[in-house]
N, C-alpha and C. Protein backbone atom coordinates (compact mmCIF):
# COMPACT_ATOMS: atom_id res chain seq x y z
N MET A 1 14.24 -31.73 20.64
CA MET A 1 15.34 -32.44 20.04
C MET A 1 15.38 -33.85 20.61
N LYS A 2 15.38 -34.81 19.73
CA LYS A 2 15.41 -36.21 20.14
C LYS A 2 16.86 -36.69 20.19
N SER A 3 17.17 -37.41 21.24
CA SER A 3 18.50 -38.03 21.29
C SER A 3 18.32 -39.52 21.05
N SER A 4 19.33 -40.09 20.49
CA SER A 4 19.23 -41.50 20.13
C SER A 4 19.40 -42.39 21.36
N ILE A 5 18.90 -43.58 21.26
CA ILE A 5 19.04 -44.56 22.34
C ILE A 5 20.50 -44.92 22.53
N ARG A 6 21.23 -45.00 21.43
CA ARG A 6 22.65 -45.35 21.50
C ARG A 6 23.43 -44.32 22.32
N LYS A 7 23.17 -43.04 22.08
CA LYS A 7 23.85 -41.98 22.81
C LYS A 7 23.46 -42.02 24.29
N PHE A 8 22.19 -42.22 24.57
CA PHE A 8 21.71 -42.30 25.95
C PHE A 8 22.37 -43.46 26.70
N LEU A 9 22.42 -44.62 26.06
CA LEU A 9 23.03 -45.79 26.71
C LEU A 9 24.53 -45.60 26.90
N LEU A 10 25.19 -45.00 25.92
CA LEU A 10 26.63 -44.77 26.03
C LEU A 10 26.95 -43.82 27.18
N ILE A 11 26.21 -42.75 27.28
CA ILE A 11 26.44 -41.79 28.37
C ILE A 11 26.17 -42.43 29.72
N ASN A 12 25.09 -43.18 29.84
CA ASN A 12 24.78 -43.84 31.11
C ASN A 12 25.81 -44.91 31.46
N LEU A 13 26.30 -45.63 30.47
CA LEU A 13 27.32 -46.64 30.71
C LEU A 13 28.62 -45.99 31.19
N LEU A 14 29.04 -44.93 30.53
CA LEU A 14 30.26 -44.23 30.94
C LEU A 14 30.11 -43.63 32.34
N LEU A 15 28.94 -43.09 32.62
CA LEU A 15 28.68 -42.53 33.94
C LEU A 15 28.71 -43.61 35.02
N ALA A 16 28.11 -44.75 34.74
CA ALA A 16 28.11 -45.86 35.71
C ALA A 16 29.53 -46.38 35.94
N ILE A 17 30.31 -46.51 34.88
CA ILE A 17 31.69 -46.98 35.03
C ILE A 17 32.51 -45.97 35.83
N THR A 18 32.33 -44.69 35.56
CA THR A 18 33.06 -43.65 36.28
C THR A 18 32.71 -43.65 37.77
N ILE A 19 31.44 -43.73 38.09
CA ILE A 19 31.02 -43.74 39.49
C ILE A 19 31.52 -44.98 40.21
N THR A 20 31.41 -46.13 39.57
CA THR A 20 31.87 -47.38 40.18
C THR A 20 33.37 -47.36 40.41
N THR A 21 34.12 -46.89 39.43
CA THR A 21 35.58 -46.81 39.57
C THR A 21 35.97 -45.85 40.68
N THR A 22 35.30 -44.72 40.75
CA THR A 22 35.61 -43.73 41.79
C THR A 22 35.32 -44.29 43.18
N LEU A 23 34.17 -44.91 43.36
CA LEU A 23 33.83 -45.49 44.66
C LEU A 23 34.80 -46.60 45.05
N THR A 24 35.20 -47.41 44.09
CA THR A 24 36.16 -48.48 44.37
C THR A 24 37.51 -47.90 44.77
N ALA A 25 37.95 -46.87 44.08
CA ALA A 25 39.24 -46.25 44.40
C ALA A 25 39.21 -45.63 45.80
N ILE A 26 38.13 -44.97 46.14
CA ILE A 26 38.02 -44.36 47.48
C ILE A 26 37.99 -45.44 48.56
N GLY A 27 37.24 -46.50 48.33
CA GLY A 27 37.19 -47.59 49.30
C GLY A 27 38.54 -48.25 49.49
N ASN A 28 39.25 -48.51 48.40
CA ASN A 28 40.58 -49.12 48.51
C ASN A 28 41.55 -48.20 49.22
N TYR A 29 41.44 -46.90 48.98
CA TYR A 29 42.31 -45.94 49.65
C TYR A 29 42.13 -46.01 51.16
N TYR A 30 40.91 -46.01 51.63
CA TYR A 30 40.68 -46.05 53.07
C TYR A 30 41.09 -47.38 53.68
N LEU A 31 40.87 -48.48 52.98
CA LEU A 31 41.31 -49.78 53.49
C LEU A 31 42.83 -49.86 53.55
N ASP A 32 43.50 -49.34 52.53
CA ASP A 32 44.96 -49.35 52.53
C ASP A 32 45.52 -48.44 53.61
N GLN A 33 44.87 -47.31 53.85
CA GLN A 33 45.33 -46.42 54.91
C GLN A 33 45.29 -47.13 56.26
N LYS A 34 44.23 -47.88 56.51
CA LYS A 34 44.10 -48.61 57.78
C LYS A 34 45.20 -49.65 57.90
N ASP A 35 45.46 -50.38 56.82
CA ASP A 35 46.49 -51.41 56.82
C ASP A 35 47.87 -50.80 57.01
N ILE A 36 48.15 -49.73 56.32
CA ILE A 36 49.45 -49.06 56.44
C ILE A 36 49.63 -48.52 57.85
N GLN A 37 48.58 -47.96 58.43
CA GLN A 37 48.69 -47.41 59.78
C GLN A 37 49.05 -48.49 60.79
N GLU A 38 48.49 -49.68 60.65
CA GLU A 38 48.82 -50.77 61.56
C GLU A 38 50.29 -51.17 61.43
N HIS A 39 50.79 -51.21 60.20
CA HIS A 39 52.20 -51.55 59.99
C HIS A 39 53.12 -50.46 60.55
N LEU A 40 52.73 -49.20 60.37
CA LEU A 40 53.54 -48.12 60.91
C LEU A 40 53.54 -48.14 62.44
N ASP A 41 52.40 -48.47 63.04
CA ASP A 41 52.34 -48.59 64.50
C ASP A 41 53.28 -49.68 64.99
N THR A 42 53.30 -50.80 64.28
CA THR A 42 54.18 -51.91 64.66
C THR A 42 55.64 -51.51 64.50
N LEU A 43 55.96 -50.83 63.43
CA LEU A 43 57.33 -50.38 63.21
C LEU A 43 57.77 -49.40 64.30
N MET A 44 56.87 -48.52 64.70
CA MET A 44 57.19 -47.59 65.76
C MET A 44 57.40 -48.32 67.08
N ALA A 45 56.61 -49.35 67.35
CA ALA A 45 56.78 -50.13 68.58
C ALA A 45 58.12 -50.86 68.58
N VAL A 46 58.51 -51.42 67.44
CA VAL A 46 59.80 -52.11 67.35
C VAL A 46 60.93 -51.12 67.58
N SER A 47 60.84 -49.95 66.98
CA SER A 47 61.88 -48.94 67.16
C SER A 47 61.96 -48.49 68.61
N ALA A 48 60.82 -48.28 69.23
CA ALA A 48 60.82 -47.85 70.63
C ALA A 48 61.42 -48.91 71.54
N LEU A 49 61.08 -50.16 71.30
CA LEU A 49 61.65 -51.23 72.13
C LEU A 49 63.15 -51.37 71.90
N SER A 50 63.60 -51.17 70.67
CA SER A 50 65.04 -51.24 70.39
C SER A 50 65.78 -50.11 71.08
N TYR A 51 65.23 -48.91 71.00
CA TYR A 51 65.87 -47.78 71.68
C TYR A 51 65.87 -47.98 73.19
N GLN A 52 64.78 -48.51 73.71
CA GLN A 52 64.71 -48.76 75.14
C GLN A 52 65.77 -49.78 75.56
N ALA A 53 65.97 -50.80 74.73
CA ALA A 53 66.96 -51.82 75.06
C ALA A 53 68.38 -51.26 74.98
N LEU A 54 68.62 -50.41 74.01
CA LEU A 54 69.97 -49.87 73.82
C LEU A 54 70.27 -48.67 74.70
N LEU A 55 69.30 -47.82 74.91
CA LEU A 55 69.54 -46.56 75.60
C LEU A 55 68.84 -46.49 76.94
N GLY A 56 68.97 -47.52 77.71
CA GLY A 56 68.38 -47.51 79.05
C GLY A 56 69.08 -46.49 79.93
N ASP A 57 68.58 -46.31 81.12
CA ASP A 57 69.15 -45.33 82.04
C ASP A 57 70.58 -45.68 82.44
N ASP A 58 70.86 -46.95 82.49
CA ASP A 58 72.18 -47.38 82.96
C ASP A 58 73.03 -47.94 81.81
N LEU A 59 73.13 -47.20 80.72
CA LEU A 59 73.83 -47.69 79.53
C LEU A 59 75.30 -47.96 79.81
N HIS A 60 75.95 -47.07 80.55
CA HIS A 60 77.38 -47.23 80.81
C HIS A 60 77.66 -48.26 81.90
N GLN A 61 76.67 -48.57 82.68
CA GLN A 61 76.86 -49.51 83.78
C GLN A 61 76.49 -50.94 83.40
N ARG A 62 75.75 -51.12 82.33
CA ARG A 62 75.32 -52.46 81.94
C ARG A 62 76.36 -53.12 81.06
N PRO A 63 76.61 -54.38 81.30
CA PRO A 63 77.51 -55.10 80.39
C PRO A 63 76.81 -55.38 79.06
N LEU A 64 77.60 -55.69 78.07
CA LEU A 64 77.08 -55.94 76.73
C LEU A 64 76.11 -57.11 76.70
N ALA A 65 76.33 -58.10 77.55
CA ALA A 65 75.45 -59.27 77.58
C ALA A 65 74.02 -58.89 77.99
N LYS A 66 73.89 -57.98 78.94
CA LYS A 66 72.55 -57.55 79.36
C LYS A 66 71.85 -56.75 78.26
N ILE A 67 72.63 -55.94 77.55
CA ILE A 67 72.05 -55.19 76.44
C ILE A 67 71.57 -56.17 75.36
N GLN A 68 72.39 -57.18 75.08
CA GLN A 68 72.01 -58.19 74.08
C GLN A 68 70.77 -58.96 74.51
N ASP A 69 70.68 -59.29 75.79
CA ASP A 69 69.49 -59.97 76.30
C ASP A 69 68.24 -59.11 76.13
N ALA A 70 68.39 -57.81 76.37
CA ALA A 70 67.25 -56.90 76.20
C ALA A 70 66.82 -56.84 74.74
N LEU A 71 67.79 -56.90 73.83
CA LEU A 71 67.45 -56.88 72.40
C LEU A 71 66.79 -58.18 71.97
N GLU A 72 67.19 -59.29 72.56
CA GLU A 72 66.62 -60.58 72.18
C GLU A 72 65.19 -60.76 72.66
N VAL A 73 64.77 -59.98 73.64
CA VAL A 73 63.41 -60.06 74.17
C VAL A 73 62.41 -59.32 73.26
N ILE A 74 62.92 -58.47 72.38
CA ILE A 74 62.04 -57.65 71.54
C ILE A 74 61.06 -58.48 70.71
N PRO A 75 61.48 -59.57 70.03
CA PRO A 75 60.48 -60.35 69.27
C PRO A 75 59.34 -60.88 70.13
N ASP A 76 59.63 -61.27 71.36
CA ASP A 76 58.55 -61.74 72.25
C ASP A 76 57.60 -60.60 72.60
N LYS A 77 58.15 -59.42 72.82
CA LYS A 77 57.30 -58.27 73.13
C LYS A 77 56.42 -57.91 71.94
N ILE A 78 56.98 -58.00 70.74
CA ILE A 78 56.20 -57.72 69.54
C ILE A 78 55.09 -58.76 69.38
N GLU A 79 55.40 -60.01 69.65
CA GLU A 79 54.39 -61.07 69.56
C GLU A 79 53.25 -60.80 70.56
N ASN A 80 53.60 -60.39 71.78
CA ASN A 80 52.58 -60.04 72.77
C ASN A 80 51.76 -58.84 72.30
N TYR A 81 52.43 -57.89 71.68
CA TYR A 81 51.73 -56.71 71.15
C TYR A 81 50.71 -57.13 70.10
N TYR A 82 51.11 -58.02 69.19
CA TYR A 82 50.17 -58.51 68.17
C TYR A 82 49.03 -59.29 68.80
N GLN A 83 49.33 -60.11 69.79
CA GLN A 83 48.28 -60.91 70.44
C GLN A 83 47.25 -60.00 71.09
N ARG A 84 47.70 -58.97 71.79
CA ARG A 84 46.77 -58.07 72.46
C ARG A 84 45.98 -57.24 71.46
N ARG A 85 46.62 -56.84 70.39
CA ARG A 85 45.97 -55.94 69.44
C ARG A 85 44.97 -56.64 68.53
N PHE A 86 45.32 -57.83 68.05
CA PHE A 86 44.49 -58.48 67.03
C PHE A 86 43.64 -59.63 67.55
N PHE A 87 43.94 -60.15 68.72
CA PHE A 87 43.19 -61.30 69.24
C PHE A 87 42.55 -60.98 70.58
N LYS A 88 41.87 -59.87 70.64
CA LYS A 88 41.23 -59.45 71.90
C LYS A 88 40.02 -60.30 72.17
């Protein structure tokens, strides 16, 4: 049984498009997972630093000004975290 050139080319074209699309989707998924994981790590670090500033061991003994100072230091700590993580 002979198959036409048109049918052969159409099947190969559809197969090539399907494989290319699948590989692109898988690659984008893994790249996005890495990017999302970095953002989640940063969010977790910000949350941990905020809790540390608010819920220190001496919460009832510290005045509000010291708690506020601890909260204001968080952006600097995050900047240091980014510097160490991305600019090694």
